């Protein structure tokens, strides 16, 4: 179990850059420059909700089947990206707003759309002024290939990673099996860390039975921007991750590769490996 190591935090001046079609070219270049020296990306997504709900305690195959169905049937609305260095210092935060989703005709969970509207998302503006996802994918995939992003940090991030795989152009749709998905994440994204899962093993964090806002409160980190907006959530995720790393001295080999939402260990072997059969494990653990 992680134990607290009290260390004086560094001072920060947080800001979130909203990105639309009008300033996309400028901001994607700023992101590219930022990633030259900052190799941790905290992410969050906003999407039209789940069309198929997953009963609590479902077996892994059902959880993944529903994830695949929901992600493949719906369109990404926002992606929040916050870049940090190894010390946890935030270097920049962006909220990319996409134009592909049409709230009048596209597949959605109506209660989720109403919830997002209540929290300030303007779907008419998104449709009119947002970024075509294909344009984002073309530029973002090029940037990631050139960068040295070492870790992708999420909170309750199974769906975030599912949408990220598509937004990065790794695949047009999620594959049929969990094993294929694990391999796709490993090859196309890299190392992931889910703070909701990590919080289960850290002293004083309510065994991970918390939302992002509550976890921030427990760690003394406040939100900047509006909740349930991808930029604000990704920034808070970055601050929470930095504080957890300082207080609990998180070891990569113990915490990396976990996503909150699936229970069993998934394994695959890289193509072209020697007969020694070197295996890479991705652990996906469901919370209590």
Protein backbone atom coordinates (compact mmCIF):
# COMPACT_ATOMS: atom_id res chain seq x y z
CA UNK A 1 0.00 0.00 0.00
CA UNK A 2 1.27 3.46 -0.83
CA UNK A 3 2.11 5.65 2.16
CA UNK A 4 2.30 9.40 2.18
CA UNK A 5 5.54 11.20 1.61
CA UNK A 6 4.89 14.86 2.42
CA UNK A 7 6.70 17.17 0.09
CA UNK A 8 6.12 20.83 -0.63
CA UNK A 9 4.27 21.21 -3.95
CA UNK A 10 5.50 23.42 -6.73
CA UNK A 11 3.56 26.54 -7.67
CA UNK A 12 1.58 26.46 -10.92
CA UNK A 13 -0.39 28.86 -13.05
CA UNK A 14 -3.08 26.71 -14.68
CA UNK A 15 -4.88 27.55 -17.90
CA UNK A 16 -6.90 25.60 -20.45
CA UNK A 17 -6.77 26.48 -24.14
CA UNK A 18 -10.04 25.85 -25.97
CA UNK A 19 -9.36 24.65 -29.50
CA UNK A 20 -11.80 25.14 -32.38
CA UNK A 21 -11.41 25.01 -36.15
CA UNK A 22 -10.37 28.67 -36.19
CA UNK A 23 -7.29 28.21 -33.98
CA UNK A 24 -6.56 24.53 -34.56
CA UNK A 25 -3.46 24.98 -36.72
CA UNK A 26 -1.85 27.30 -34.18
CA UNK A 27 -2.67 25.17 -31.14
CA UNK A 28 -1.66 21.84 -32.63
CA UNK A 29 1.78 23.32 -33.28
CA UNK A 30 1.94 24.55 -29.69
CA UNK A 31 1.07 21.05 -28.50
CA UNK A 32 3.78 19.56 -30.69
CA UNK A 33 6.40 21.94 -29.27
CA UNK A 34 5.19 21.24 -25.73
CA UNK A 35 5.60 17.48 -26.16
CA UNK A 36 9.25 17.87 -27.07
CA UNK A 37 10.06 18.30 -23.37
CA UNK A 38 6.93 17.00 -21.60
CA UNK A 39 6.27 13.31 -21.96
CA UNK A 40 3.22 12.60 -19.79
CA UNK A 41 -0.26 13.24 -21.20
CA UNK A 42 -3.31 13.25 -18.95
CA UNK A 43 -6.50 12.78 -20.94
CA UNK A 44 -10.26 12.98 -20.66
CA UNK A 45 -13.07 12.59 -23.18
CA UNK A 46 -16.67 13.70 -23.51
CA UNK A 47 -18.93 11.51 -25.63
CA UNK A 48 -22.69 11.00 -26.17
CA UNK A 49 -23.09 8.50 -23.34
CA UNK A 50 -23.55 4.74 -23.34
CA UNK A 51 -26.18 3.25 -25.62
CA UNK A 52 -25.83 -0.15 -24.00
CA UNK A 53 -25.41 -0.20 -20.22
CA UNK A 54 -23.31 -2.80 -18.41
CA UNK A 55 -24.79 -4.43 -15.28
CA UNK A 56 -22.61 -4.16 -12.18
CA UNK A 57 -20.41 -7.21 -11.68
CA UNK A 58 -20.56 -8.36 -15.30
CA UNK A 59 -17.90 -10.72 -16.58
CA UNK A 60 -15.05 -9.19 -18.53
CA UNK A 61 -16.37 -10.37 -21.88
CA UNK A 62 -19.63 -8.48 -21.31
CA UNK A 63 -17.81 -5.35 -20.13
CA UNK A 64 -15.64 -5.30 -23.23
CA UNK A 65 -18.53 -6.18 -25.55
CA UNK A 66 -20.45 -3.14 -24.27
CA UNK A 67 -17.37 -0.90 -24.46
CA UNK A 68 -16.81 -1.94 -28.06
CA UNK A 69 -20.46 -1.44 -29.01
CA UNK A 70 -20.74 1.99 -27.37
CA UNK A 71 -17.46 3.39 -28.70
CA UNK A 72 -18.03 2.07 -32.21
CA UNK A 73 -21.59 3.41 -32.37
CA UNK A 74 -20.95 6.95 -31.12
CA UNK A 75 -18.79 9.96 -31.96
CA UNK A 76 -16.26 11.80 -29.82
CA UNK A 77 -17.35 15.27 -28.67
CA UNK A 78 -14.31 16.61 -26.77
CA UNK A 79 -10.78 15.49 -25.98
CA UNK A 80 -8.82 17.07 -23.15
CA UNK A 81 -5.02 16.79 -23.17
CA UNK A 82 -2.74 18.08 -20.42
CA UNK A 83 1.03 17.74 -20.84
CA UNK A 84 3.33 17.37 -17.82
CA UNK A 85 6.98 16.63 -17.19
CA UNK A 86 8.38 13.84 -15.02
CA UNK A 87 8.23 16.05 -11.93
CA UNK A 88 4.50 16.61 -12.43
CA UNK A 89 4.81 20.23 -13.55
CA UNK A 90 2.01 21.06 -15.99
CA UNK A 91 3.26 22.65 -19.20
CA UNK A 92 0.01 23.10 -21.11
CA UNK A 93 -3.63 22.02 -21.28
CA UNK A 94 -5.87 21.85 -24.34
CA UNK A 95 -9.55 21.14 -24.94
CA UNK A 96 -10.23 20.01 -28.50
CA UNK A 97 -13.84 20.50 -29.63
CA UNK A 98 -15.06 18.32 -32.51
CA UNK A 99 -17.73 18.96 -35.13
CA UNK A 100 -18.62 15.40 -36.15
CA UNK A 101 -21.37 14.77 -33.60
CA UNK A 102 -24.82 16.07 -34.56
CA UNK A 103 -27.03 16.00 -31.47
CA UNK A 104 -30.17 16.07 -33.61
CA UNK A 105 -29.54 12.86 -35.57
CA UNK A 106 -26.52 10.91 -34.25
CA UNK A 107 -26.60 7.95 -31.88
CA UNK A 108 -26.71 9.09 -28.27
CA UNK A 109 -27.97 8.53 -24.77
CA UNK A 110 -30.50 11.39 -24.36
CA UNK A 111 -29.93 11.70 -20.62
CA UNK A 112 -26.18 12.06 -21.18
CA UNK A 113 -26.72 14.78 -23.77
CA UNK A 114 -29.07 16.64 -21.41
CA UNK A 115 -26.47 16.32 -18.64
CA UNK A 116 -23.71 17.75 -20.86
CA UNK A 117 -25.96 20.62 -21.93
CA UNK A 118 -26.72 21.40 -18.29
CA UNK A 119 -22.97 21.59 -17.71
CA UNK A 120 -22.40 24.11 -20.48
CA UNK A 121 -21.71 22.18 -23.69
CA UNK A 122 -23.14 24.04 -26.69
CA UNK A 123 -23.86 21.43 -29.34
CA UNK A 124 -24.86 23.96 -31.99
CA UNK A 125 -21.50 25.72 -31.56
CA UNK A 126 -19.64 22.42 -31.64
CA UNK A 127 -21.29 21.48 -34.93
CA UNK A 128 -20.63 24.87 -36.50
CA UNK A 129 -17.18 25.78 -35.14
CA UNK A 130 -15.67 22.46 -34.07
CA UNK A 131 -12.74 20.57 -35.60
CA UNK A 132 -13.38 17.69 -38.03
CA UNK A 133 -12.07 14.63 -36.23
CA UNK A 134 -10.33 13.42 -39.39
CA UNK A 135 -8.26 16.63 -39.44
CA UNK A 136 -7.33 16.20 -35.79
CA UNK A 137 -6.38 12.54 -36.31
CA UNK A 138 -4.14 13.36 -39.27
CA UNK A 139 -2.18 15.93 -37.29
CA UNK A 140 -2.24 14.28 -33.87
CA UNK A 141 -1.05 10.90 -35.12
CA UNK A 142 1.92 12.60 -36.78
CA UNK A 143 2.77 14.46 -33.57
CA UNK A 144 2.58 11.34 -31.42
CA UNK A 145 4.81 9.40 -33.81
CA UNK A 146 7.45 12.12 -33.47
CA UNK A 147 7.07 12.71 -29.74
CA UNK A 148 8.29 10.66 -26.79
CA UNK A 149 5.09 10.43 -24.78
CA UNK A 150 5.93 7.95 -22.02
CA UNK A 151 2.66 7.70 -20.17
CA UNK A 152 -1.06 8.34 -20.71
CA UNK A 153 -2.88 9.12 -17.46
CA UNK A 154 -6.64 8.77 -17.05
CA UNK A 155 -9.27 8.60 -14.34
CA UNK A 156 -11.81 5.80 -14.78
CA UNK A 157 -10.34 5.69 -18.23
CA UNK A 158 -11.51 2.57 -20.04
CA UNK A 159 -13.77 4.59 -22.35
CA UNK A 160 -11.21 7.40 -22.61
CA UNK A 161 -8.67 4.93 -23.99
CA UNK A 162 -11.26 3.39 -26.28
CA UNK A 163 -12.03 6.75 -27.88
CA UNK A 164 -8.33 7.71 -27.88
CA UNK A 165 -7.47 4.66 -29.97
CA UNK A 166 -9.89 5.89 -32.64
CA UNK A 167 -8.88 9.56 -32.37
CA UNK A 168 -5.21 8.62 -32.85
CA UNK A 169 -6.04 6.68 -36.00
CA UNK A 170 -4.86 3.40 -34.51
CA UNK A 171 -8.11 1.79 -35.67
CA UNK A 172 -11.41 2.89 -37.14
CA UNK A 173 -13.27 0.59 -34.76
CA UNK A 174 -12.43 -1.34 -31.61
CA UNK A 175 -11.62 -5.01 -32.32
CA UNK A 176 -13.78 -7.98 -31.42
CA UNK A 177 -11.81 -9.38 -28.49
CA UNK A 178 -10.25 -8.02 -25.29
CA UNK A 179 -6.94 -9.60 -26.28
CA UNK A 180 -6.89 -7.67 -29.55
CA UNK A 181 -7.83 -4.50 -27.69
CA UNK A 182 -4.99 -4.96 -25.17
CA UNK A 183 -2.51 -5.47 -27.99
CA UNK A 184 -3.88 -2.45 -29.84
CA UNK A 185 -3.44 -0.26 -26.74
CA UNK A 186 0.07 -1.55 -26.16
CA UNK A 187 1.22 -1.05 -29.74
CA UNK A 188 -0.71 2.08 -30.65
CA UNK A 189 -0.89 4.04 -27.40
CA UNK A 190 1.70 2.71 -24.98
CA UNK A 191 1.81 2.85 -21.19
CA UNK A 192 -1.44 3.81 -19.48
CA UNK A 193 -2.18 4.61 -15.82
CA UNK A 194 -5.71 4.86 -14.41
CA UNK A 195 -5.86 6.88 -11.19
CA UNK A 196 -9.16 5.40 -10.03
CA UNK A 197 -7.49 2.01 -9.99
CA UNK A 198 -4.30 3.36 -8.39
CA UNK A 199 -6.31 5.08 -5.63
CA UNK A 200 -7.50 1.67 -4.42
CA UNK A 201 -3.99 0.98 -3.12
CA UNK A 202 -3.15 4.37 -1.62
CA UNK A 203 -3.67 5.12 2.05
CA UNK A 204 -6.47 7.59 2.82
CA UNK A 205 -8.05 7.65 -0.65
CA UNK A 206 -11.20 5.75 0.30
CA UNK A 207 -10.05 2.60 -1.50
CA UNK A 208 -10.75 4.23 -4.85
CA UNK A 209 -14.51 4.52 -4.22
CA UNK A 210 -14.40 8.15 -5.31
CA UNK A 211 -15.00 10.34 -8.32
CA UNK A 212 -12.36 12.64 -9.74
CA UNK A 213 -13.69 15.68 -7.89
CA UNK A 214 -13.61 13.89 -4.53
CA UNK A 215 -10.14 12.50 -5.19
CA UNK A 216 -8.94 16.03 -5.87
CA UNK A 217 -10.46 17.19 -2.58
CA UNK A 218 -8.72 14.41 -0.64
CA UNK A 219 -5.40 15.48 -2.16
CA UNK A 220 -5.95 19.22 -1.76
CA UNK A 221 -6.20 19.87 -5.50
CA UNK A 222 -8.94 22.16 -6.80
CA UNK A 223 -10.54 22.27 -10.22
CA UNK A 224 -9.88 24.97 -12.81
CA UNK A 225 -12.53 25.40 -15.46
CA UNK A 226 -15.93 23.71 -15.71
CA UNK A 227 -16.48 20.14 -14.54
CA UNK A 228 -17.57 17.61 -17.16
CA UNK A 229 -15.56 19.47 -19.77
CA UNK A 230 -12.68 17.44 -21.14
CA UNK A 231 -10.03 20.15 -20.70
CA UNK A 232 -10.85 20.82 -17.06
CA UNK A 233 -11.05 17.11 -16.25
CA UNK A 234 -7.72 16.36 -17.93
CA UNK A 235 -6.05 19.23 -16.04
CA UNK A 236 -7.42 18.04 -12.70
CA UNK A 237 -6.29 14.51 -13.58
CA UNK A 238 -2.76 15.82 -14.17
CA UNK A 239 -2.69 17.68 -10.84
CA UNK A 240 -4.06 14.65 -8.98
CA UNK A 241 -1.49 12.37 -10.62
CA UNK A 242 1.37 14.67 -9.67
CA UNK A 243 0.20 14.83 -6.05
CA UNK A 244 -0.28 11.06 -5.84
CA UNK A 245 3.19 10.50 -7.28
CA UNK A 246 4.73 12.82 -4.66
CA UNK A 247 2.78 11.50 -1.70
CA UNK A 248 2.84 7.79 -2.46
CA UNK A 249 5.96 7.36 -4.62
CA UNK A 250 4.12 5.38 -7.26
CA UNK A 251 6.24 2.69 -8.89
CA UNK A 252 5.60 2.18 -12.59
CA UNK A 253 5.88 -1.59 -12.52
CA UNK A 254 3.22 -1.80 -9.82
CA UNK A 255 0.64 0.60 -11.26
CA UNK A 256 1.14 1.03 -15.00
CA UNK A 257 -0.95 -0.98 -17.43
CA UNK A 258 -4.14 -1.00 -15.35
CA UNK A 259 -7.49 0.32 -16.56
CA UNK A 260 -10.48 0.54 -14.25
CA UNK A 261 -13.34 -1.50 -15.64
CA UNK A 262 -12.05 -4.97 -16.51
CA UNK A 263 -11.03 -7.61 -14.03
CA UNK A 264 -8.85 -10.28 -15.63
CA UNK A 265 -5.27 -10.19 -16.78
CA UNK A 266 -4.93 -10.02 -20.53
CA UNK A 267 -1.82 -11.34 -22.25
CA UNK A 268 -0.48 -11.30 -25.76
CA UNK A 269 2.79 -12.05 -27.49
CA UNK A 270 4.42 -9.59 -29.87
CA UNK A 271 4.70 -10.71 -33.46
CA UNK A 272 8.22 -11.68 -34.37
CA UNK A 273 9.28 -12.44 -30.79
CA UNK A 274 11.83 -15.18 -30.29
CA UNK A 275 10.95 -18.65 -29.13
CA UNK A 276 11.59 -17.46 -25.60
CA UNK A 277 7.99 -16.20 -25.74
CA UNK A 278 8.45 -12.84 -24.10
CA UNK A 279 4.98 -11.81 -22.89
CA UNK A 280 3.64 -8.35 -22.18
CA UNK A 281 0.84 -8.19 -19.62
CA UNK A 282 -1.93 -5.67 -19.48
CA UNK A 283 -3.89 -5.83 -16.25
CA UNK A 284 -7.43 -4.52 -16.17
CA UNK A 285 -9.01 -4.57 -12.73
CA UNK A 286 -12.56 -3.82 -11.69
CA UNK A 287 -13.04 -1.80 -8.52
CA UNK A 288 -14.82 -2.97 -5.40
